[in-house]
Amino acid sequence: MQAADSRHDGRLYALAWVALLALTLLSFGAHYLELGPFATAVSLAFAAVKASIVFGVFMHITREPNSVRVVAALNIACVVLISVGLALDVLGQ
């Protein structure tokens, strides 16, 4: 059973690596597009998708107990709140 799990994990890691590589290439290509005021939002969207892949696949958050998931979600919520507050402060000045 362990050999089958490790093969499955190997395929999952390879798929995650390919997805991260593709998203990196897409975000690099998006840098050369004239996106105007949406450039930052597009870059942050790529970063969020890549971070969620790393978070879910490599950090095994889906296999953790609910208490660990809640703590992780609270940390993400704090980062989002700080980022939104910073953006609103910069836009307000």
PDB file of N, CA and C in Angstrom:
ATOM      1  N   MET A   1       0.823  -1.199   0.000  1.00  0.00           N
ATOM      2  CA  MET A   1       0.000   0.000   0.000  1.00  0.00           C
ATOM      3  C   MET A   1       0.862   1.257   0.000  1.00  0.00           C
ATOM      4  N   GLN A   2       1.995   1.215   0.679  1.00  0.00           N
ATOM      5  CA  GLN A   2       2.843   2.392   0.735  1.00  0.00           C
ATOM      6  C   GLN A   2       3.453   2.714  -0.617  1.00  0.00           C
ATOM      7  N   ALA A   3       3.783   1.683  -1.400  1.00  0.00           N
ATOM      8  CA  ALA A   3       4.362   1.929  -2.722  1.00  0.00           C
ATOM      9  C   ALA A   3       3.358   2.634  -3.625  1.00  0.00           C
ATOM     10  N   ALA A   4       2.093   2.242  -3.543  1.00  0.00           N
ATOM     11  CA  ALA A   4       1.059   2.889  -4.356  1.00  0.00           C
ATOM     12  C   ALA A   4       0.864   4.336  -3.914  1.00  0.00           C
ATOM     13  N   ASP A   5       0.918   4.575  -2.598  1.00  0.00           N
ATOM     14  CA  ASP A   5       0.780   5.944  -2.099  1.00  0.00           C
ATOM     15  C   ASP A   5       1.948   6.808  -2.548  1.00  0.00           C
ATOM     16  N   SER A   6       3.162   6.267  -2.515  1.00  0.00           N
ATOM     17  CA  SER A   6       4.317   7.069  -2.916  1.00  0.00           C
ATOM     18  C   SER A   6       4.295   7.366  -4.408  1.00  0.00           C
ATOM     19  N   ARG A   7       3.798   6.417  -5.222  1.00  0.00           N
ATOM     20  CA  ARG A   7       3.670   6.700  -6.658  1.00  0.00           C
ATOM     21  C   ARG A   7       2.634   7.786  -6.896  1.00  0.00           C
ATOM     22  N   HIS A   8       1.529   7.698  -6.157  1.00  0.00           N
ATOM     23  CA  HIS A   8       0.491   8.719  -6.277  1.00  0.00           C
ATOM     24  C   HIS A   8       1.041  10.074  -5.847  1.00  0.00           C
ATOM     25  N   ASP A   9       1.781  10.111  -4.744  1.00  0.00           N
ATOM     26  CA  ASP A   9       2.371  11.364  -4.284  1.00  0.00           C
ATOM     27  C   ASP A   9       3.383  11.893  -5.296  1.00  0.00           C
ATOM     28  N   GLY A  10       4.151  10.994  -5.902  1.00  0.00           N
ATOM     29  CA  GLY A  10       5.119  11.415  -6.912  1.00  0.00           C
ATOM     30  C   GLY A  10       4.446  12.066  -8.106  1.00  0.00           C
ATOM     31  N   ARG A  11       3.352  11.486  -8.552  1.00  0.00           N
ATOM     32  CA  ARG A  11       2.600  12.087  -9.666  1.00  0.00           C
ATOM     33  C   ARG A  11       2.007  13.422  -9.255  1.00  0.00           C
ATOM     34  N   LEU A  12       1.521  13.488  -8.034  1.00  0.00           N
ATOM     35  CA  LEU A  12       0.938  14.741  -7.544  1.00  0.00           C
ATOM     36  C   LEU A  12       1.997  15.835  -7.459  1.00  0.00           C
ATOM     37  N   TYR A  13       3.179  15.491  -6.956  1.00  0.00           N
ATOM     38  CA  TYR A  13       4.263  16.464  -6.880  1.00  0.00           C
ATOM     39  C   TYR A  13       4.704  16.912  -8.268  1.00  0.00           C
ATOM     40  N   ALA A  14       4.790  15.967  -9.197  1.00  0.00           N
ATOM     41  CA  ALA A  14       5.185  16.318 -10.565  1.00  0.00           C
ATOM     42  C   ALA A  14       4.142  17.227 -11.205  1.00  0.00           C
ATOM     43  N   LEU A  15       2.869  16.916 -10.995  1.00  0.00           N
ATOM     44  CA  LEU A  15       1.795  17.749 -11.544  1.00  0.00           C
ATOM     45  C   LEU A  15       1.820  19.141 -10.920  1.00  0.00           C
ATOM     46  N   ALA A  16       2.061  19.209  -9.615  1.00  0.00           N
ATOM     47  CA  ALA A  16       2.147  20.509  -8.950  1.00  0.00           C
ATOM     48  C   ALA A  16       3.333  21.302  -9.480  1.00  0.00           C
ATOM     49  N   TRP A  17       4.451  20.624  -9.706  1.00  0.00           N
ATOM     50  CA  TRP A  17       5.631  21.305 -10.237  1.00  0.00           C
ATOM     51  C   TRP A  17       5.354  21.863 -11.626  1.00  0.00           C
ATOM     52  N   VAL A  18       4.700  21.072 -12.468  1.00  0.00           N
ATOM     53  CA  VAL A  18       4.369  21.538 -13.824  1.00  0.00           C
ATOM     54  C   VAL A  18       3.411  22.720 -13.746  1.00  0.00           C
ATOM     55  N   ALA A  19       2.435  22.644 -12.861  1.00  0.00           N
ATOM     56  CA  ALA A  19       1.482  23.745 -12.712  1.00  0.00           C
ATOM     57  C   ALA A  19       2.193  25.015 -12.221  1.00  0.00           C
ATOM     58  N   LEU A  20       3.100  24.874 -11.264  1.00  0.00           N
ATOM     59  CA  LEU A  20       3.837  26.039 -10.774  1.00  0.00           C
ATOM     60  C   LEU A  20       4.729  26.620 -11.859  1.00  0.00           C
ATOM     61  N   LEU A  21       5.341  25.754 -12.646  1.00  0.00           N
ATOM     62  CA  LEU A  21       6.181  26.234 -13.735  1.00  0.00           C
ATOM     63  C   LEU A  21       5.342  26.981 -14.776  1.00  0.00           C
ATOM     64  N   ALA A  22       4.184  26.411 -15.127  1.00  0.00           N
ATOM     65  CA  ALA A  22       3.309  27.061 -16.105  1.00  0.00           C
ATOM     66  C   ALA A  22       2.806  28.407 -15.581  1.00  0.00           C
ATOM     67  N   LEU A  23       2.428  28.451 -14.315  1.00  0.00           N
ATOM     68  CA  LEU A  23       1.952  29.717 -13.750  1.00  0.00           C
ATOM     69  C   LEU A  23       3.068  30.751 -13.672  1.00  0.00           C
ATOM     70  N   THR A  24       4.288  30.292 -13.411  1.00  0.00           N
ATOM     71  CA  THR A  24       5.415  31.215 -13.401  1.00  0.00           C
ATOM     72  C   THR A  24       5.647  31.804 -14.784  1.00  0.00           C
ATOM     73  N   LEU A  25       5.582  30.952 -15.793  1.00  0.00           N
ATOM     74  CA  LEU A  25       5.755  31.441 -17.165  1.00  0.00           C
ATOM     75  C   LEU A  25       4.628  32.388 -17.561  1.00  0.00           C
ATOM     76  N   LEU A  26       3.406  32.062 -17.156  1.00  0.00           N
ATOM     77  CA  LEU A  26       2.275  32.946 -17.454  1.00  0.00           C
ATOM     78  C   LEU A  26       2.419  34.295 -16.746  1.00  0.00           C
ATOM     79  N   SER A  27       2.842  34.269 -15.495  1.00  0.00           N
ATOM     80  CA  SER A  27       2.997  35.544 -14.783  1.00  0.00           C
ATOM     81  C   SER A  27       4.155  36.356 -15.364  1.00  0.00           C
ATOM     82  N   PHE A  28       5.203  35.669 -15.832  1.00  0.00           N
ATOM     83  CA  PHE A  28       6.302  36.370 -16.497  1.00  0.00           C
ATOM     84  C   PHE A  28       5.811  36.997 -17.801  1.00  0.00           C
ATOM     85  N   GLY A  29       4.996  36.261 -18.556  1.00  0.00           N
ATOM     86  CA  GLY A  29       4.435  36.795 -19.798  1.00  0.00           C
ATOM     87  C   GLY A  29       3.455  37.927 -19.557  1.00  0.00           C
ATOM     88  N   ALA A  30       2.704  37.836 -18.460  1.00  0.00           N
ATOM     89  CA  ALA A  30       1.744  38.897 -18.143  1.00  0.00           C
ATOM     90  C   ALA A  30       2.440  40.203 -17.813  1.00  0.00           C
ATOM     91  N   HIS A  31       3.694  40.110 -17.403  1.00  0.00           N
ATOM     92  CA  HIS A  31       4.462  41.323 -17.098  1.00  0.00           C
ATOM     93  C   HIS A  31       4.622  42.196 -18.351  1.00  0.00           C
ATOM     94  N   TYR A  32       4.665  41.568 -19.501  1.00  0.00           N
ATOM     95  CA  TYR A  32       4.886  42.302 -20.744  1.00  0.00           C
ATOM     96  C   TYR A  32       3.586  42.762 -21.396  1.00  0.00           C
ATOM     97  N   LEU A  33       2.435  42.423 -20.827  1.00  0.00           N
ATOM     98  CA  LEU A  33       1.157  42.903 -21.338  1.00  0.00           C
ATOM     99  C   LEU A  33       0.858  44.281 -20.764  1.00  0.00           C
ATOM    100  N   GLU A  34       0.155  45.069 -21.520  1.00  0.00           N
ATOM    101  CA  GLU A  34      -0.259  46.395 -21.051  1.00  0.00           C
ATOM    102  C   GLU A  34      -1.564  46.241 -20.279  1.00  0.00           C
ATOM    103  N   LEU A  35      -1.459  45.980 -18.983  1.00  0.00           N
ATOM    104  CA  LEU A  35      -2.643  45.751 -18.165  1.00  0.00           C
ATOM    105  C   LEU A  35      -3.088  46.985 -17.399  1.00  0.00           C
ATOM    106  N   GLY A  36      -2.276  47.999 -17.428  1.00  0.00           N
ATOM    107  CA  GLY A  36      -2.639  49.246 -16.759  1.00  0.00           C
ATOM    108  C   GLY A  36      -2.803  49.065 -15.264  1.00  0.00           C
ATOM    109  N   PRO A  37      -3.916  49.536 -14.730  1.00  0.00           N
ATOM    110  CA  PRO A  37      -4.105  49.460 -13.283  1.00  0.00           C
ATOM    111  C   PRO A  37      -4.381  48.041 -12.777  1.00  0.00           C
ATOM    112  N   PHE A  38      -4.619  47.104 -13.681  1.00  0.00           N
ATOM    113  CA  PHE A  38      -4.912  45.731 -13.273  1.00  0.00           C
ATOM    114  C   PHE A  38      -3.663  44.869 -13.143  1.00  0.00           C
ATOM    115  N   ALA A  39      -2.499  45.418 -13.439  1.00  0.00           N
ATOM    116  CA  ALA A  39      -1.258  44.637 -13.415  1.00  0.00           C
ATOM    117  C   ALA A  39      -0.984  44.063 -12.025  1.00  0.00           C
ATOM    118  N   THR A  40      -1.176  44.869 -11.007  1.00  0.00           N
ATOM    119  CA  THR A  40      -0.921  44.394  -9.642  1.00  0.00           C
ATOM    120  C   THR A  40      -1.905  43.301  -9.256  1.00  0.00           C
ATOM    121  N   ALA A  41      -3.169  43.480  -9.612  1.00  0.00           N
ATOM    122  CA  ALA A  41      -4.179  42.479  -9.279  1.00  0.00           C
ATOM    123  C   ALA A  41      -3.896  41.152  -9.978  1.00  0.00           C
ATOM    124  N   VAL A  42      -3.464  41.214 -11.230  1.00  0.00           N
ATOM    125  CA  VAL A  42      -3.148  39.996 -11.971  1.00  0.00           C
ATOM    126  C   VAL A  42      -1.943  39.299 -11.342  1.00  0.00           C
ATOM    127  N   SER A  43      -0.931  40.064 -10.978  1.00  0.00           N
ATOM    128  CA  SER A  43       0.252  39.482 -10.342  1.00  0.00           C
ATOM    129  C   SER A  43      -0.100  38.843  -8.999  1.00  0.00           C
ATOM    130  N   LEU A  44      -0.926  39.509  -8.223  1.00  0.00           N
ATOM    131  CA  LEU A  44      -1.340  38.947  -6.939  1.00  0.00           C
ATOM    132  C   LEU A  44      -2.205  37.709  -7.110  1.00  0.00           C
ATOM    133  N   ALA A  45      -3.010  37.672  -8.167  1.00  0.00           N
ATOM    134  CA  ALA A  45      -3.827  36.486  -8.424  1.00  0.00           C
ATOM    135  C   ALA A  45      -2.941  35.291  -8.768  1.00  0.00           C
ATOM    136  N   PHE A  46      -1.935  35.499  -9.614  1.00  0.00           N
ATOM    137  CA  PHE A  46      -0.997  34.425  -9.919  1.00  0.00           C
ATOM    138  C   PHE A  46      -0.291  33.952  -8.646  1.00  0.00           C
ATOM    139  N   ALA A  47       0.132  34.886  -7.829  1.00  0.00           N
ATOM    140  CA  ALA A  47       0.837  34.537  -6.591  1.00  0.00           C
ATOM    141  C   ALA A  47      -0.063  33.747  -5.641  1.00  0.00           C
ATOM    142  N   ALA A  48      -1.328  34.139  -5.568  1.00  0.00           N
ATOM    143  CA  ALA A  48      -2.260  33.438  -4.683  1.00  0.00           C
ATOM    144  C   ALA A  48      -2.499  32.007  -5.148  1.00  0.00           C
ATOM    145  N   VAL A  49      -2.632  31.818  -6.456  1.00  0.00           N
ATOM    146  CA  VAL A  49      -2.845  30.463  -6.984  1.00  0.00           C
ATOM    147  C   VAL A  49      -1.611  29.611  -6.731  1.00  0.00           C
ATOM    148  N   LYS A  50      -0.436  30.166  -6.976  1.00  0.00           N
ATOM    149  CA  LYS A  50       0.792  29.407  -6.738  1.00  0.00           C
ATOM    150  C   LYS A  50       0.957  29.082  -5.256  1.00  0.00           C
ATOM    151  N   ALA A  51       0.651  30.026  -4.398  1.00  0.00           N
ATOM    152  CA  ALA A  51       0.758  29.788  -2.958  1.00  0.00           C
ATOM    153  C   ALA A  51      -0.217  28.710  -2.506  1.00  0.00           C
ATOM    154  N   SER A  52      -1.414  28.697  -3.074  1.00  0.00           N
ATOM    155  CA  SER A  52      -2.382  27.668  -2.684  1.00  0.00           C
ATOM    156  C   SER A  52      -1.946  26.280  -3.152  1.00  0.00           C
ATOM    157  N   ILE A  53      -1.277  26.196  -4.291  1.00  0.00           N
ATOM    158  CA  ILE A  53      -0.744  24.912  -4.738  1.00  0.00           C
ATOM    159  C   ILE A  53       0.336  24.430  -3.772  1.00  0.00           C
ATOM    160  N   VAL A  54       1.245  25.308  -3.421  1.00  0.00           N
ATOM    161  CA  VAL A  54       2.308  24.938  -2.476  1.00  0.00           C
ATOM    162  C   VAL A  54       1.699  24.565  -1.127  1.00  0.00           C
ATOM    163  N   PHE A  55       0.746  25.346  -0.690  1.00  0.00           N
ATOM    164  CA  PHE A  55       0.099  25.126   0.601  1.00  0.00           C
ATOM    165  C   PHE A  55      -0.623  23.782   0.637  1.00  0.00           C
ATOM    166  N   GLY A  56      -1.355  23.477  -0.410  1.00  0.00           N
ATOM    167  CA  GLY A  56      -2.151  22.250  -0.425  1.00  0.00           C
ATOM    168  C   GLY A  56      -1.349  21.000  -0.723  1.00  0.00           C
ATOM    169  N   VAL A  57      -0.405  21.080  -1.656  1.00  0.00           N
ATOM    170  CA  VAL A  57       0.303  19.886  -2.096  1.00  0.00           C
ATOM    171  C   VAL A  57       1.543  19.629  -1.250  1.00  0.00           C
ATOM    172  N   PHE A  58       2.414  20.597  -1.155  1.00  0.00           N
ATOM    173  CA  PHE A  58       3.698  20.364  -0.502  1.00  0.00           C
ATOM    174  C   PHE A  58       3.631  20.456   1.016  1.00  0.00           C
ATOM    175  N   MET A  59       2.705  21.241   1.536  1.00  0.00           N
ATOM    176  CA  MET A  59       2.594  21.363   2.989  1.00  0.00           C
ATOM    177  C   MET A  59       1.556  20.404   3.566  1.00  0.00           C
ATOM    178  N   HIS A  60       0.880  19.662   2.723  1.00  0.00           N
ATOM    179  CA  HIS A  60      -0.077  18.609   3.123  1.00  0.00           C
ATOM    180  C   HIS A  60      -1.169  19.134   4.057  1.00  0.00           C
ATOM    181  N   ILE A  61      -1.662  20.317   3.800  1.00  0.00           N
ATOM    182  CA  ILE A  61      -2.671  20.898   4.688  1.00  0.00           C
ATOM    183  C   ILE A  61      -3.981  20.100   4.640  1.00  0.00           C
ATOM    184  N   THR A  62      -4.233  19.412   3.539  1.00  0.00           N
ATOM    185  CA  THR A  62      -5.475  18.636   3.441  1.00  0.00           C
ATOM    186  C   THR A  62      -5.451  17.410   4.340  1.00  0.00           C
ATOM    187  N   ARG A  63      -4.270  16.996   4.780  1.00  0.00           N
ATOM    188  CA  ARG A  63      -4.155  15.819   5.652  1.00  0.00           C
ATOM    189  C   ARG A  63      -4.039  16.195   7.126  1.00  0.00           C
ATOM    190  N   GLU A  64      -4.035  17.458   7.417  1.00  0.00           N
ATOM    191  CA  GLU A  64      -3.878  17.920   8.797  1.00  0.00           C
ATOM    192  C   GLU A  64      -5.230  17.948   9.508  1.00  0.00           C
ATOM    193  N   PRO A  65      -5.196  17.913  10.850  1.00  0.00           N
ATOM    194  CA  PRO A  65      -6.452  18.029  11.601  1.00  0.00           C
ATOM    195  C   PRO A  65      -7.075  19.419  11.442  1.00  0.00           C
ATOM    196  N   ASN A  66      -8.332  19.496  11.802  1.00  0.00           N
ATOM    197  CA  ASN A  66      -9.069  20.754  11.628  1.00  0.00           C
ATOM    198  C   ASN A  66      -8.456  21.911  12.413  1.00  0.00           C
ATOM    199  N   SER A  67      -7.875  21.637  13.570  1.00  0.00           N
ATOM    200  CA  SER A  67      -7.291  22.718  14.370  1.00  0.00           C
ATOM    201  C   SER A  67      -6.133  23.380  13.620  1.00  0.00           C
ATOM    202  N   VAL A  68      -5.337  22.599  12.913  1.00  0.00           N
ATOM    203  CA  VAL A  68      -4.226  23.157  12.140  1.00  0.00           C
ATOM    204  C   VAL A  68      -4.766  23.968  10.968  1.00  0.00           C
ATOM    205  N   ARG A  69      -5.827  23.477  10.351  1.00  0.00           N
ATOM    206  CA  ARG A  69      -6.439  24.211   9.234  1.00  0.00           C
ATOM    207  C   ARG A  69      -6.993  25.554   9.696  1.00  0.00           C
ATOM    208  N   VAL A  70      -7.607  25.575  10.871  1.00  0.00           N
ATOM    209  CA  VAL A  70      -8.175  26.821  11.393  1.00  0.00           C
ATOM    210  C   VAL A  70      -7.062  27.820  11.666  1.00  0.00           C
ATOM    211  N   VAL A  71      -5.972  27.380  12.270  1.00  0.00           N
ATOM    212  CA  VAL A  71      -4.853  28.281  12.550  1.00  0.00           C
ATOM    213  C   VAL A  71      -4.272  28.817  11.245  1.00  0.00           C
ATOM    214  N   ALA A  72      -4.140  27.953  10.237  1.00  0.00           N
ATOM    215  CA  ALA A  72      -3.628  28.393   8.939  1.00  0.00           C
ATOM    216  C   ALA A  72      -4.571  29.410   8.304  1.00  0.00           C
ATOM    217  N   ALA A  73      -5.866  29.152   8.378  1.00  0.00           N
ATOM    218  CA  ALA A  73      -6.841  30.085   7.810  1.00  0.00           C
ATOM    219  C   ALA A  73      -6.813  31.431   8.539  1.00  0.00           C
ATOM    220  N   LEU A  74      -6.630  31.416   9.849  1.00  0.00           N
ATOM    221  CA  LEU A  74      -6.540  32.672  10.599  1.00  0.00           C
ATOM    222  C   LEU A  74      -5.293  33.460  10.206  1.00  0.00           C
ATOM    223  N   ASN A  75      -4.193  32.773   9.978  1.00  0.00           N
ATOM    224  CA  ASN A  75      -2.983  33.462   9.521  1.00  0.00           C
ATOM    225  C   ASN A  75      -3.187  34.096   8.159  1.00  0.00           C
ATOM    226  N   ILE A  76      -3.840  33.390   7.267  1.00  0.00           N
ATOM    227  CA  ILE A  76      -4.114  33.935   5.934  1.00  0.00           C
ATOM    228  C   ILE A  76      -5.047  35.132   6.049  1.00  0.00           C
ATOM    229  N   ALA A  77      -6.046  35.031   6.926  1.00  0.00           N
ATOM    230  CA  ALA A  77      -6.975  36.146   7.114  1.00  0.00           C
ATOM    231  C   ALA A  77      -6.248  37.384   7.648  1.00  0.00           C
ATOM    232  N   CYS A  78      -5.297  37.184   8.540  1.00  0.00           N
ATOM    233  CA  CYS A  78      -4.525  38.323   9.057  1.00  0.00           C
ATOM    234  C   CYS A  78      -3.714  38.991   7.957  1.00  0.00           C
ATOM    235  N   VAL A  79      -3.086  38.195   7.122  1.00  0.00           N
ATOM    236  CA  VAL A  79      -2.292  38.760   6.016  1.00  0.00           C
ATOM    237  C   VAL A  79      -3.202  39.525   5.060  1.00  0.00           C
ATOM    238  N   VAL A  80      -4.375  38.981   4.772  1.00  0.00           N
ATOM    239  CA  VAL A  80      -5.312  39.653   3.869  1.00  0.00           C
ATOM    240  C   VAL A  80      -5.783  40.965   4.487  1.00  0.00           C
ATOM    241  N   LEU A  81      -6.123  40.953   5.759  1.00  0.00           N
ATOM    242  CA  LEU A  81      -6.583  42.179   6.417  1.00  0.00           C
ATOM    243  C   LEU A  81      -5.491  43.246   6.439  1.00  0.00           C
ATOM    244  N   ILE A  82      -4.261  42.860   6.727  1.00  0.00           N
ATOM    245  CA  ILE A  82      -3.163  43.821   6.733  1.00  0.00           C
ATOM    246  C   ILE A  82      -2.937  44.376   5.325  1.00  0.00           C
ATOM    247  N   SER A  83      -3.010  43.500   4.328  1.00  0.00           N
ATOM    248  CA  SER A  83      -2.801  43.944   2.947  1.00  0.00           C
ATOM    249  C   SER A  83      -3.894  44.903   2.495  1.00  0.00           C
ATOM    250  N   VAL A  84      -5.126  44.594   2.831  1.00  0.00           N
ATOM    251  CA  VAL A  84      -6.237  45.468   2.448  1.00  0.00           C
ATOM    252  C   VAL A  84      -6.122  46.807   3.180  1.00  0.00           C
ATOM    253  N   GLY A  85      -5.786  46.777   4.451  1.00  0.00           N
ATOM    254  CA  GLY A  85      -5.617  48.021   5.193  1.00  0.00           C
ATOM    255  C   GLY A  85      -4.495  48.871   4.635  1.00  0.00           C
ATOM    256  N   LEU A  86      -3.393  48.242   4.263  1.00  0.00           N
ATOM    257  CA  LEU A  86      -2.283  48.969   3.666  1.00  0.00           C
ATOM    258  C   LEU A  86      -2.680  49.574   2.322  1.00  0.00           C
ATOM    259  N   ALA A  87      -3.389  48.793   1.507  1.00  0.00           N
ATOM    260  CA  ALA A  87      -3.815  49.297   0.202  1.00  0.00           C
ATOM    261  C   ALA A  87      -4.778  50.468   0.365  1.00  0.00           C
ATOM    262  N   LEU A  88      -5.709  50.373   1.300  1.00  0.00           N
ATOM    263  CA  LEU A  88      -6.640  51.475   1.521  1.00  0.00           C
ATOM    264  C   LEU A  88      -5.920  52.713   2.043  1.00  0.00           C
ATOM    265  N   ASP A  89      -4.906  52.516   2.870  1.00  0.00           N
ATOM    266  CA  ASP A  89      -4.143  53.652   3.374  1.00  0.00           C
ATOM    267  C   ASP A  89      -3.375  54.344   2.241  1.00  0.00           C
ATOM    268  N   VAL A  90      -2.775  53.553   1.378  1.00  0.00           N
ATOM    269  CA  VAL A  90      -2.017  54.136   0.267  1.00  0.00           C
ATOM    270  C   VAL A  90      -2.955  54.851  -0.710  1.00  0.00           C
ATOM    271  N   LEU A  91      -4.107  54.243  -1.000  1.00  0.00           N
ATOM    272  CA  LEU A  91      -5.052  54.861  -1.938  1.00  0.00           C
ATOM    273  C   LEU A  91      -5.677  56.122  -1.349  1.00  0.00           C
ATOM    274  N   GLY A  92      -5.777  56.177  -0.027  1.00  0.00           N
ATOM    275  CA  GLY A  92      -6.398  57.341   0.611  1.00  0.00           C
ATOM    276  C   GLY A  92      -5.501  58.552   0.686  1.00  0.00           C
ATOM    277  N   GLN A  93      -4.219  58.384   0.456  1.00  0.00           N
ATOM    278  CA  GLN A  93      -3.303  59.529   0.587  1.00  0.00           C
ATOM    279  C   GLN A  93      -3.110  60.233  -0.689  1.00  0.00           C
TER     280      GLN A  93
END
